[in-house]
C-alpha atoms as a PDB file:
ATOM      1  CA  MET A   1      19.787  22.800  77.088  1.00  0.00           C
ATOM      2  CA  ASP A   2      20.670  20.136  74.597  1.00  0.00           C
ATOM      3  CA  LYS A   3      17.980  17.847  75.979  1.00  0.00           C
ATOM      4  CA  VAL A   4      15.384  20.655  75.774  1.00  0.00           C
ATOM      5  CA  LEU A   5      16.241  21.359  72.125  1.00  0.00           C
ATOM      6  CA  LEU A   6      16.146  17.656  71.367  1.00  0.00           C
ATOM      7  CA  PHE A   7      12.660  17.276  72.898  1.00  0.00           C
ATOM      8  CA  ARG A   8      11.399  20.325  70.997  1.00  0.00           C
ATOM      9  CA  ARG A   9      12.619  18.930  67.682  1.00  0.00           C
ATOM     10  CA  LEU A  10      11.055  15.548  68.387  1.00  0.00           C
ATOM     11  CA  GLY A  11       7.775  17.219  69.316  1.00  0.00           C
ATOM     12  CA  LEU A  12       7.752  19.288  66.115  1.00  0.00           C
ATOM     13  CA  ARG A  13       8.382  16.215  63.953  1.00  0.00           C
ATOM     14  CA  LEU A  14       5.660  14.281  65.770  1.00  0.00           C
ATOM     15  CA  ALA A  15       3.184  17.119  65.208  1.00  0.00           C
ATOM     16  CA  VAL A  16       3.972  17.194  61.495  1.00  0.00           C
ATOM     17  CA  VAL A  17       3.530  13.431  61.204  1.00  0.00           C
ATOM     18  CA  LEU A  18       0.162  13.554  62.993  1.00  0.00           C
ATOM     19  CA  VAL A  19      -1.317  16.696  61.425  1.00  0.00           C
ATOM     20  CA  ILE A  20      -0.636  16.029  57.727  1.00  0.00           C
ATOM     21  CA  PRO A  21      -2.688  12.778  57.552  1.00  0.00           C
ATOM     22  CA  VAL A  22      -5.589  14.613  59.207  1.00  0.00           C
ATOM     23  CA  PHE A  23      -5.636  17.210  56.446  1.00  0.00           C
ATOM     24  CA  LEU A  24      -5.462  14.469  53.843  1.00  0.00           C
ATOM     25  CA  VAL A  25      -8.454  12.745  55.417  1.00  0.00           C
ATOM     26  CA  TRP A  26     -10.458  15.979  55.420  1.00  0.00           C
ATOM     27  CA  THR A  27      -9.767  16.443  51.710  1.00  0.00           C
ATOM     28  CA  PRO A  28     -11.877  13.776  49.858  1.00  0.00           C
ATOM     29  CA  LEU A  29      -9.572  13.425  46.875  1.00  0.00           C
ATOM     30  CA  GLY A  30      -6.357  14.950  48.250  1.00  0.00           C
ATOM     31  CA  PHE A  31      -4.933  18.295  47.320  1.00  0.00           C
ATOM     32  CA  GLY A  32      -6.632  20.023  44.394  1.00  0.00           C
ATOM     33  CA  ALA A  33      -9.866  18.040  44.737  1.00  0.00           C
ATOM     34  CA  ASP A  34     -11.962  21.182  44.715  1.00  0.00           C
ATOM     35  CA  GLN A  35     -10.506  22.272  41.405  1.00  0.00           C
ATOM     36  CA  PRO A  36     -12.864  21.435  38.543  1.00  0.00           C
ATOM     37  CA  SER A  37     -11.419  19.110  35.961  1.00  0.00           C
ATOM     38  CA  THR A  38     -11.016  20.759  32.578  1.00  0.00           C
ATOM     39  CA  PRO A  39     -12.588  18.677  29.836  1.00  0.00           C
ATOM     40  CA  SER A  40     -10.242  17.679  27.071  1.00  0.00           C
ATOM     41  CA  PRO A  41     -10.956  19.492  23.850  1.00  0.00           C
ATOM     42  CA  ALA A  42     -12.643  17.447  21.145  1.00  0.00           C
ATOM     43  CA  LEU A  43     -10.273  16.222  18.492  1.00  0.00           C
ATOM     44  CA  ALA A  44     -10.971  17.856  15.177  1.00  0.00           C
ATOM     45  CA  PRO A  45     -11.310  15.416  12.282  1.00  0.00           C
ATOM     46  CA  ALA A  46      -8.183  15.199  10.195  1.00  0.00           C
ATOM     47  CA  ARG A  47      -8.405  16.859   6.816  1.00  0.00           C
ATOM     48  CA  PRO A  48      -7.971  14.530   3.837  1.00  0.00           C
ATOM     49  CA  ARG A  49      -4.551  14.638   2.242  1.00  0.00           C
ATOM     50  CA  SER A  50      -4.344  15.873  -1.329  1.00  0.00           C
ATOM     51  CA  LEU A  51      -2.306  13.423  -3.375  1.00  0.00           C
ATOM     52  CA  ASP A  52      -1.103  13.481  -6.947  1.00  0.00           C
ATOM     53  CA  LEU A  53       0.000  10.435  -8.906  1.00  0.00           C
ATOM     54  CA  ALA A  54       3.687  10.802  -8.028  1.00  0.00           C
ATOM     55  CA  THR A  55       2.911  11.036  -4.302  1.00  0.00           C
ATOM     56  CA  CYS A  56       0.656   7.978  -4.468  1.00  0.00           C
ATOM     57  CA  ARG A  57       3.433   6.001  -6.120  1.00  0.00           C
ATOM     58  CA  SER A  58       6.029   7.016  -3.529  1.00  0.00           C
ATOM     59  CA  LEU A  59       3.646   6.146  -0.677  1.00  0.00           C
ATOM     60  CA  ALA A  60       3.063   2.708  -2.186  1.00  0.00           C
ATOM     61  CA  LEU A  61       6.810   2.082  -2.414  1.00  0.00           C
ATOM     62  CA  GLU A  62       7.152   2.996   1.268  1.00  0.00           C
ATOM     63  CA  HIS A  63       4.094   1.340   2.835  1.00  0.00           C
ATOM     64  CA  GLN A  64       3.193  -1.667   0.672  1.00  0.00           C
ATOM     65  CA  PRO A  65       3.566  -4.746   2.949  1.00  0.00           C
ATOM     66  CA  SER A  66       4.601  -7.074   0.125  1.00  0.00           C
ATOM     67  CA  LEU A  67       7.492  -4.783  -0.754  1.00  0.00           C
ATOM     68  CA  THR A  68       8.618  -4.757   2.867  1.00  0.00           C
ATOM     69  CA  ALA A  69       8.637  -8.551   2.890  1.00  0.00           C
ATOM     70  CA  TYR A  70      10.589  -8.842  -0.371  1.00  0.00           C
ATOM     71  CA  ARG A  71      13.146  -6.284   0.799  1.00  0.00           C
ATOM     72  CA  ALA A  72      13.637  -8.206   4.031  1.00  0.00           C
ATOM     73  CA  SER A  73      14.143 -11.379   1.987  1.00  0.00           C
ATOM     74  CA  LEU A  74      16.706  -9.538  -0.136  1.00  0.00           C
ATOM     75  CA  GLU A  75      18.632  -8.480   2.964  1.00  0.00           C
ATOM     76  CA  ALA A  76      18.612 -12.048   4.268  1.00  0.00           C
ATOM     77  CA  THR A  77      19.910 -13.328   0.925  1.00  0.00           C
ATOM     78  CA  ALA A  78      22.702 -10.747   0.975  1.00  0.00           C
ATOM     79  CA  LEU A  79      23.716 -11.783   4.493  1.00  0.00           C
ATOM     80  CA  LYS A  80      23.842 -15.428   3.452  1.00  0.00           C
ATOM     81  CA  GLY A  81      26.076 -14.525   0.530  1.00  0.00           C
ATOM     82  CA  GLN A  82      28.411 -12.589   2.797  1.00  0.00           C
ATOM     83  CA  ALA A  83      28.627 -15.527   5.165  1.00  0.00           C
ATOM     84  CA  LEU A  84      29.516 -17.795   2.254  1.00  0.00           C
ATOM     85  CA  ASP A  85      32.209 -15.397   1.070  1.00  0.00           C
ATOM     86  CA  ASN A  86      33.773 -15.374   4.545  1.00  0.00           C
ATOM     87  CA  LEU A  87      34.480 -19.103   4.385  1.00  0.00           C
ATOM     88  CA  GLY A  88      38.190 -18.841   3.701  1.00  0.00           C
ATOM     89  CA  ILE A  89      39.781 -22.263   4.151  1.00  0.00           C
ATOM     90  CA  ALA A  90      36.535 -24.150   3.607  1.00  0.00           C
ATOM     91  CA  GLY A  91      37.399 -24.345  -0.089  1.00  0.00           C
ATOM     92  CA  LEU A  92      40.082 -26.893   0.780  1.00  0.00           C
ATOM     93  CA  ILE A  93      37.392 -29.276   1.991  1.00  0.00           C
ATOM     94  CA  ALA A  94      34.382 -28.316  -0.139  1.00  0.00           C
ATOM     95  CA  HIS A  95      35.604 -28.397  -3.725  1.00  0.00           C
ATOM     96  CA  ASP A  96      32.300 -27.003  -5.008  1.00  0.00           C
ATOM     97  CA  LEU A  97      32.535 -23.835  -2.883  1.00  0.00           C
ATOM     98  CA  PRO A  98      33.405 -21.525  -5.843  1.00  0.00           C
ATOM     99  CA  LEU A  99      30.327 -22.786  -7.665  1.00  0.00           C
ATOM    100  CA  ARG A 100      28.203 -22.269  -4.559  1.00  0.00           C
ATOM    101  CA  LYS A 101      29.426 -18.680  -4.365  1.00  0.00           C
ATOM    102  CA  GLN A 102      28.382 -18.144  -7.971  1.00  0.00           C
ATOM    103  CA  GLN A 103      25.000 -19.607  -7.169  1.00  0.00           C
ATOM    104  CA  SER A 104      24.732 -17.298  -4.174  1.00  0.00           C
ATOM    105  CA  GLN A 105      25.464 -14.286  -6.362  1.00  0.00           C
ATOM    106  CA  LEU A 106      22.812 -15.380  -8.841  1.00  0.00           C
ATOM    107  CA  GLY A 107      20.367 -15.891  -5.970  1.00  0.00           C
ATOM    108  CA  LEU A 108      21.047 -12.315  -4.882  1.00  0.00           C
ATOM    109  CA  GLU A 109      20.311 -11.106  -8.406  1.00  0.00           C
ATOM    110  CA  ILE A 110      17.079 -13.113  -8.391  1.00  0.00           C
ATOM    111  CA  ALA A 111      16.032 -11.536  -5.075  1.00  0.00           C
ATOM    112  CA  GLN A 112      16.836  -8.073  -6.421  1.00  0.00           C
ATOM    113  CA  ALA A 113      14.792  -8.778  -9.543  1.00  0.00           C
ATOM    114  CA  ARG A 114      11.889  -9.929  -7.356  1.00  0.00           C
ATOM    115  CA  VAL A 115      12.002  -6.630  -5.476  1.00  0.00           C
ATOM    116  CA  ARG A 116      12.009  -4.715  -8.771  1.00  0.00           C
ATOM    117  CA  GLN A 117       9.077  -6.777  -9.987  1.00  0.00           C
ATOM    118  CA  ALA A 118       7.111  -6.045  -6.804  1.00  0.00           C
ATOM    119  CA  GLU A 119       7.881  -2.334  -7.166  1.00  0.00           C
ATOM    120  CA  GLN A 120       6.708  -2.365 -10.771  1.00  0.00           C
ATOM    121  CA  GLU A 121       3.512  -4.164  -9.781  1.00  0.00           C
ATOM    122  CA  ALA A 122       2.855  -1.665  -6.979  1.00  0.00           C
ATOM    123  CA  ILE A 123       3.394   1.300  -9.309  1.00  0.00           C
ATOM    124  CA  TYR A 124       1.142  -0.282 -11.935  1.00  0.00           C
ATOM    125  CA  ALA A 125      -1.638  -0.924  -9.404  1.00  0.00           C
ATOM    126  CA  VAL A 126      -1.455   2.639  -8.081  1.00  0.00           C
ATOM    127  CA  THR A 127      -1.419   4.157 -11.564  1.00  0.00           C
ATOM    128  CA  ARG A 128      -4.330   2.063 -12.771  1.00  0.00           C
ATOM    129  CA  ASN A 129      -6.531   2.755  -9.752  1.00  0.00           C
ATOM    130  CA  TYR A 130      -5.615   6.447  -9.807  1.00  0.00           C
ATOM    131  CA  LEU A 131      -6.738   6.746 -13.416  1.00  0.00           C
ATOM    132  CA  VAL A 132      -9.881   4.714 -12.717  1.00  0.00           C
ATOM    133  CA  LEU A 133     -10.712   7.089  -9.874  1.00  0.00           C
ATOM    134  CA  LEU A 134     -10.198  10.072 -12.175  1.00  0.00           C
ATOM    135  CA  TYR A 135     -12.463   8.443 -14.765  1.00  0.00           C
ATOM    136  CA  ALA A 136     -15.194   7.764 -12.191  1.00  0.00           C
ATOM    137  CA  ARG A 137     -14.947  11.350 -10.927  1.00  0.00           C
ATOM    138  CA  GLN A 138     -15.188  12.688 -14.470  1.00  0.00           C
ATOM    139  CA  GLN A 139     -18.236  10.496 -15.106  1.00  0.00           C
ATOM    140  CA  GLN A 140     -19.920  11.743 -11.942  1.00  0.00           C
ATOM    141  CA  ASN A 141     -19.316  15.392 -12.877  1.00  0.00           C
ATOM    142  CA  LEU A 142     -20.785  14.775 -16.317  1.00  0.00           C
ATOM    143  CA  LEU A 143     -23.844  13.038 -14.881  1.00  0.00           C
ATOM    144  CA  ASP A 144     -24.353  15.812 -12.320  1.00  0.00           C
ATOM    145  CA  LYS A 145     -24.567  18.327 -15.142  1.00  0.00           C
ATOM    146  CA  ALA A 146     -26.881  16.027 -17.106  1.00  0.00           C
ATOM    147  CA  VAL A 147     -29.252  15.675 -14.155  1.00  0.00           C
ATOM    148  CA  GLU A 148     -29.359  19.440 -13.623  1.00  0.00           C
ATOM    149  CA  ASN A 149     -30.033  20.053 -17.322  1.00  0.00           C
ATOM    150  CA  LEU A 150     -32.826  17.479 -17.370  1.00  0.00           C
ATOM    151  CA  LYS A 151     -34.428  19.032 -14.304  1.00  0.00           C
ATOM    152  CA  ASP A 152     -34.389  22.472 -15.929  1.00  0.00           C
ATOM    153  CA  LEU A 153     -35.785  21.050 -19.144  1.00  0.00           C
ATOM    154  CA  ARG A 154     -38.526  19.233 -17.237  1.00  0.00           C
ATOM    155  CA  GLU A 155     -39.573  22.429 -15.494  1.00  0.00           C
ATOM    156  CA  THR A 156     -39.693  24.239 -18.841  1.00  0.00           C
ATOM    157  CA  VAL A 157     -41.757  21.510 -20.498  1.00  0.00           C
ATOM    158  CA  LYS A 158     -44.091  21.334 -17.504  1.00  0.00           C
ATOM    159  CA  GLN A 159     -44.668  25.084 -17.724  1.00  0.00           C
ATOM    160  CA  ILE A 160     -45.409  24.818 -21.447  1.00  0.00           C
ATOM    161  CA  VAL A 161     -47.829  21.916 -20.909  1.00  0.00           C
ATOM    162  CA  ASP A 162     -49.616  23.632 -18.017  1.00  0.00           C
ATOM    163  CA  ASP A 163     -50.026  26.903 -19.919  1.00  0.00           C
ATOM    164  CA  GLY A 164     -50.826  25.237 -23.261  1.00  0.00           C
ATOM    165  CA  LEU A 165     -48.324  27.375 -25.113  1.00  0.00           C
ATOM    166  CA  ARG A 166     -47.478  24.727 -27.739  1.00  0.00           C
ATOM    167  CA  LYS A 167     -49.610  21.962 -29.118  1.00  0.00           C
ATOM    168  CA  ASP A 168     -46.655  19.758 -30.138  1.00  0.00           C
ATOM    169  CA  VAL A 169     -45.474  19.555 -26.497  1.00  0.00           C
ATOM    170  CA  THR A 170     -47.674  17.189 -24.504  1.00  0.00           C
ATOM    171  CA  THR A 171     -47.679  15.304 -21.233  1.00  0.00           C
ATOM    172  CA  ARG A 172     -46.081  12.372 -23.043  1.00  0.00           C
ATOM    173  CA  ASP A 173     -42.957  14.477 -23.541  1.00  0.00           C
ATOM    174  CA  LEU A 174     -42.992  15.293 -19.858  1.00  0.00           C
ATOM    175  CA  GLU A 175     -43.241  11.609 -18.968  1.00  0.00           C
ATOM    176  CA  ARG A 176     -40.272  10.846 -21.238  1.00  0.00           C
ATOM    177  CA  LEU A 177     -38.237  13.483 -19.466  1.00  0.00           C
ATOM    178  CA  ASN A 178     -39.114  11.933 -16.104  1.00  0.00           C
ATOM    179  CA  VAL A 179     -37.891   8.553 -17.317  1.00  0.00           C
ATOM    180  CA  LEU A 180     -34.657  10.064 -18.652  1.00  0.00           C
ATOM    181  CA  LEU A 181     -34.164  11.864 -15.366  1.00  0.00           C
ATOM    182  CA  LEU A 182     -34.581   8.635 -13.402  1.00  0.00           C
ATOM    183  CA  LEU A 183     -32.058   6.876 -15.668  1.00  0.00           C
ATOM    184  CA  ALA A 184     -29.545   9.685 -15.288  1.00  0.00           C
ATOM    185  CA  GLU A 185     -29.901   9.669 -11.509  1.00  0.00           C
ATOM    186  CA  GLY A 186     -29.410   5.888 -11.488  1.00  0.00           C
ATOM    187  CA  HIS A 187     -26.209   6.201 -13.531  1.00  0.00           C
ATOM    188  CA  ARG A 188     -25.032   8.955 -11.202  1.00  0.00           C
ATOM    189  CA  GLU A 189     -25.437   6.640  -8.213  1.00  0.00           C
ATOM    190  CA  GLU A 190     -23.438   3.990 -10.059  1.00  0.00           C
ATOM    191  CA  ALA A 191     -20.695   6.533 -10.741  1.00  0.00           C
ATOM    192  CA  THR A 192     -20.629   7.504  -7.055  1.00  0.00           C
ATOM    193  CA  SER A 193     -20.348   3.865  -6.015  1.00  0.00           C
ATOM    194  CA  GLY A 194     -17.615   3.280  -8.608  1.00  0.00           C
ATOM    195  CA  GLN A 195     -15.682   6.257  -7.302  1.00  0.00           C
ATOM    196  CA  GLU A 196     -15.819   4.880  -3.762  1.00  0.00           C
ATOM    197  CA  ARG A 197     -14.616   1.459  -4.941  1.00  0.00           C
ATOM    198  CA  ALA A 198     -11.794   2.980  -6.972  1.00  0.00           C
ATOM    199  CA  GLN A 199     -10.685   5.075  -4.006  1.00  0.00           C
ATOM    200  CA  ALA A 200     -10.703   2.000  -1.749  1.00  0.00           C
ATOM    201  CA  ALA A 201      -8.652   0.081  -4.330  1.00  0.00           C
ATOM    202  CA  LEU A 202      -6.147   2.940  -4.563  1.00  0.00           C
ATOM    203  CA  ARG A 203      -5.873   3.085  -0.772  1.00  0.00           C
ATOM    204  CA  GLU A 204      -5.157  -0.653  -0.665  1.00  0.00           C
ATOM    205  CA  ALA A 205      -2.586  -0.367  -3.477  1.00  0.00           C
ATOM    206  CA  MET A 206      -0.733   2.268  -1.453  1.00  0.00           C
ATOM    207  CA  GLY A 207      -0.674  -0.067   1.566  1.00  0.00           C
ATOM    208  CA  PHE A 208      -3.021   1.855   3.882  1.00  0.00           C
ATOM    209  CA  GLY A 209      -6.120   0.874   5.824  1.00  0.00           C
ATOM    210  CA  GLY A 210      -9.615   2.280   5.794  1.00  0.00           C
ATOM    211  CA  ASP A 211      -8.744   5.048   8.275  1.00  0.00           C
ATOM    212  CA  PHE A 212      -6.451   6.788   5.762  1.00  0.00           C
ATOM    213  CA  SER A 213      -8.368   9.752   4.328  1.00  0.00           C
ATOM    214  CA  PHE A 214      -7.173  11.321   1.095  1.00  0.00           C
ATOM    215  CA  GLU A 215      -8.285  13.116  -2.050  1.00  0.00           C
ATOM    216  CA  ILE A 216      -6.600  12.941  -5.426  1.00  0.00           C
ATOM    217  CA  VAL A 217      -5.583  16.001  -7.385  1.00  0.00           C
ATOM    218  CA  GLY A 218      -7.246  16.537 -10.736  1.00  0.00           C
ATOM    219  CA  ARG A 219     -10.685  16.162 -12.242  1.00  0.00           C
ATOM    220  CA  VAL A 220     -10.143  14.841 -15.759  1.00  0.00           C
ATOM    221  CA  LEU A 221      -8.040  12.112 -17.304  1.00  0.00           C
ATOM    222  CA  PRO A 222      -4.686  13.165 -18.764  1.00  0.00           C
ATOM    223  CA  SER A 223      -4.219  13.156 -22.524  1.00  0.00           C
ATOM    224  CA  PRO A 224      -0.738  11.768 -23.251  1.00  0.00           C
ATOM    225  CA  ASN A 225       0.706  12.435 -26.676  1.00  0.00           C
ATOM    226  CA  ASN A 226       3.417   9.763 -26.587  1.00  0.00           C
ATOM    227  CA  GLN A 227       3.622   7.563 -29.641  1.00  0.00           C
ATOM    228  CA  PHE A 228       5.490   4.252 -29.717  1.00  0.00           C
ATOM    229  CA  ALA A 229       6.273   1.785 -32.449  1.00  0.00           C
ATOM    230  CA  LYS A 230       5.748  -1.927 -31.931  1.00  0.00           C
ATOM    231  CA  GLN A 231       9.456  -2.710 -31.694  1.00  0.00           C
ATOM    232  CA  GLN A 232       9.955   0.030 -29.111  1.00  0.00           C
ATOM    233  CA  ILE A 233       7.300  -1.541 -26.909  1.00  0.00           C
ATOM    234  CA  VAL A 234       8.888  -4.979 -27.286  1.00  0.00           C
ATOM    235  CA  ASP A 235      12.339  -3.622 -26.428  1.00  0.00           C
ATOM    236  CA  LEU A 236      11.007  -1.835 -23.351  1.00  0.00           C
ATOM    237  CA  ALA A 237       9.289  -5.009 -22.179  1.00  0.00           C
ATOM    238  CA  LEU A 238      12.444  -7.095 -22.637  1.00  0.00           C
ATOM    239  CA  SER A 239      14.592  -4.600 -20.763  1.00  0.00           C
ATOM    240  CA  ARG A 240      12.214  -3.848 -17.893  1.00  0.00           C
ATOM    241  CA  ARG A 241      10.471  -7.124 -17.062  1.00  0.00           C
ATOM    242  CA  ALA A 242      12.151  -8.513 -13.962  1.00  0.00           C
ATOM    243  CA  GLU A 243      10.643 -11.962 -14.564  1.00  0.00           C
ATOM    244  CA  LEU A 244      13.049 -12.468 -17.471  1.00  0.00           C
ATOM    245  CA  THR A 245      16.003 -11.805 -15.184  1.00  0.00           C
ATOM    246  CA  GLN A 246      14.691 -14.301 -12.650  1.00  0.00           C
ATOM    247  CA  ALA A 247      14.167 -16.992 -15.269  1.00  0.00           C
ATOM    248  CA  THR A 248      17.592 -16.442 -16.874  1.00  0.00           C
ATOM    249  CA  ASP A 249      19.410 -16.506 -13.539  1.00  0.00           C
ATOM    250  CA  ALA A 250      17.458 -19.586 -12.460  1.00  0.00           C
ATOM    251  CA  ALA A 251      18.627 -21.444 -15.555  1.00  0.00           C
ATOM    252  CA  ALA A 252      22.207 -20.408 -14.745  1.00  0.00           C
ATOM    253  CA  VAL A 253      21.817 -21.681 -11.179  1.00  0.00           C
ATOM    254  CA  PHE A 254      20.681 -25.089 -12.442  1.00  0.00           C
ATOM    255  CA  ALA A 255      23.623 -25.219 -14.835  1.00  0.00           C
ATOM    256  CA  LEU A 256      26.027 -24.473 -11.983  1.00  0.00           C
ATOM    257  CA  GLU A 257      24.349 -27.160  -9.915  1.00  0.00           C
ATOM    258  CA  ILE A 258      25.151 -29.727 -12.589  1.00  0.00           C
ATOM    259  CA  LYS A 259      28.797 -28.694 -12.443  1.00  0.00           C
ATOM    260  CA  ALA A 260      28.779 -28.774  -8.658  1.00  0.00           C
ATOM    261  CA  GLN A 261      27.396 -32.293  -8.626  1.00  0.00           C
ATOM    262  CA  ALA A 262      30.290 -33.431 -10.766  1.00  0.00           C
ATOM    263  CA  THR A 263      32.728 -32.391  -8.037  1.00  0.00           C
ATOM    264  CA  SER A 264      30.842 -34.266  -5.283  1.00  0.00           C
ATOM    265  CA  ARG A 265      31.009 -37.862  -4.296  1.00  0.00           C
ATOM    266  CA  PRO A 266      28.377 -40.091  -5.930  1.00  0.00           C
ATOM    267  CA  GLY A 267      26.589 -40.808  -2.660  1.00  0.00           C
ATOM    268  CA  ARG A 268      25.913 -37.145  -1.978  1.00  0.00           C
ATOM    269  CA  GLN A 269      24.922 -36.004  -5.447  1.00  0.00           C
ATOM    270  CA  GLN A 270      21.216 -36.754  -5.161  1.00  0.00           C
ATOM    271  CA  LYS A 271      20.834 -35.146  -1.713  1.00  0.00           C
ATOM    272  CA  ARG A 272      22.685 -32.007  -2.739  1.00  0.00           C
ATOM    273  CA  ALA A 273      20.714 -31.737  -5.958  1.00  0.00           C
ATOM    274  CA  SER A 274      17.410 -31.902  -4.097  1.00  0.00           C
ATOM    275  CA  ARG A 275      18.541 -29.342  -1.500  1.00  0.00           C
ATOM    276  CA  ALA A 276      19.782 -26.981  -4.198  1.00  0.00           C
ATOM    277  CA  SER A 277      16.481 -27.257  -6.074  1.00  0.00           C
ATOM    278  CA  ILE A 278      14.556 -26.383  -2.919  1.00  0.00           C
ATOM    279  CA  ARG A 279      16.804 -23.372  -2.239  1.00  0.00           C
ATOM    280  CA  LEU A 280      16.367 -22.173  -5.789  1.00  0.00           C
ATOM    281  CA  LEU A 281      12.578 -22.434  -5.691  1.00  0.00           C
ATOM    282  CA  HIS A 282      12.520 -20.430  -2.479  1.00  0.00           C
ATOM    283  CA  ALA A 283      14.823 -17.792  -3.926  1.00  0.00           C
ATOM    284  CA  CYS A 284      12.933 -17.495  -7.215  1.00  0.00           C
ATOM    285  CA  PRO A 285       9.113 -17.458  -6.738  1.00  0.00           C
ATOM    286  CA  GLY A 286       8.591 -16.935 -10.459  1.00  0.00           C
ATOM    287  CA  CYS A 287      10.398 -20.227 -11.191  1.00  0.00           C
ATOM    288  CA  ARG A 288       7.596 -22.216  -9.554  1.00  0.00           C
ATOM    289  CA  GLY A 289       4.794 -20.512 -11.494  1.00  0.00           C
ATOM    290  CA  GLU A 290       3.704 -18.180  -8.715  1.00  0.00           C
ATOM    291  CA  ASN A 291       2.741 -15.369 -11.110  1.00  0.00           C
ATOM    292  CA  ALA A 292       1.669 -17.511 -14.027  1.00  0.00           C
ATOM    293  CA  GLN A 293      -2.009 -16.540 -13.777  1.00  0.00           C
ATOM    294  CA  SER A 294      -1.336 -12.806 -13.435  1.00  0.00           C
ATOM    295  CA  HIS A 295       0.714 -12.652 -16.655  1.00  0.00           C
END
């Protein structure tokens, strides 16, 4: 009986192995081939995002590539300073180590000031292009109304000339209106082109590519009522310009380098001075005149 059951099981397994490939061959594309493929629904175009000035500024601070690079440089500078602080017994050998730590701290302040400067420049670029876009939009709205008014006036004058209702209104007046209408339409096209350029500049200032679709909130330029005296403006510039911090800290780094050279052996003074100058120029882009033309 055991042999009979064994042969039956082997026969059943053999039948399964032989029959299943036959069914797969009969089906051209396997199971489910007869089922029609459902077409994927068409992707609806994304609606443009509505952005105000504050949102544009925050997006620029998050997505501007230059800011990302400066922040990464700041992190690297901080890590270098931590590594220098962890040198415990190295001060017994390198007598200028305390001065190098001070220089490292100043280099960190310079890197932080460079990040602040880049943030200020990004905010300024976004604000300027946002206001330019508002101005171009306001111009276009004004020219649209002017074109419509000129068209209505032209139709009225044409009706008067055709019916001969007034002798002081002639075809010359109609020709003048046609010229004015052509000029207004030309200025409207310029305003449309200027709006497109301003929107592209704002998109670039925020750090996005051409596939980023957005619309700004508002139709007219704001009317600020803030009033400042000359000295207030000077004080704000002195307290907020990060370039001043970079220049001041750079001068302090050079002064510390002079002290550090005094603690070194004469044969190594020139090499260390040159290496320190190179490190300083890399840490402080404003010290080598990088932004001289922009300011």
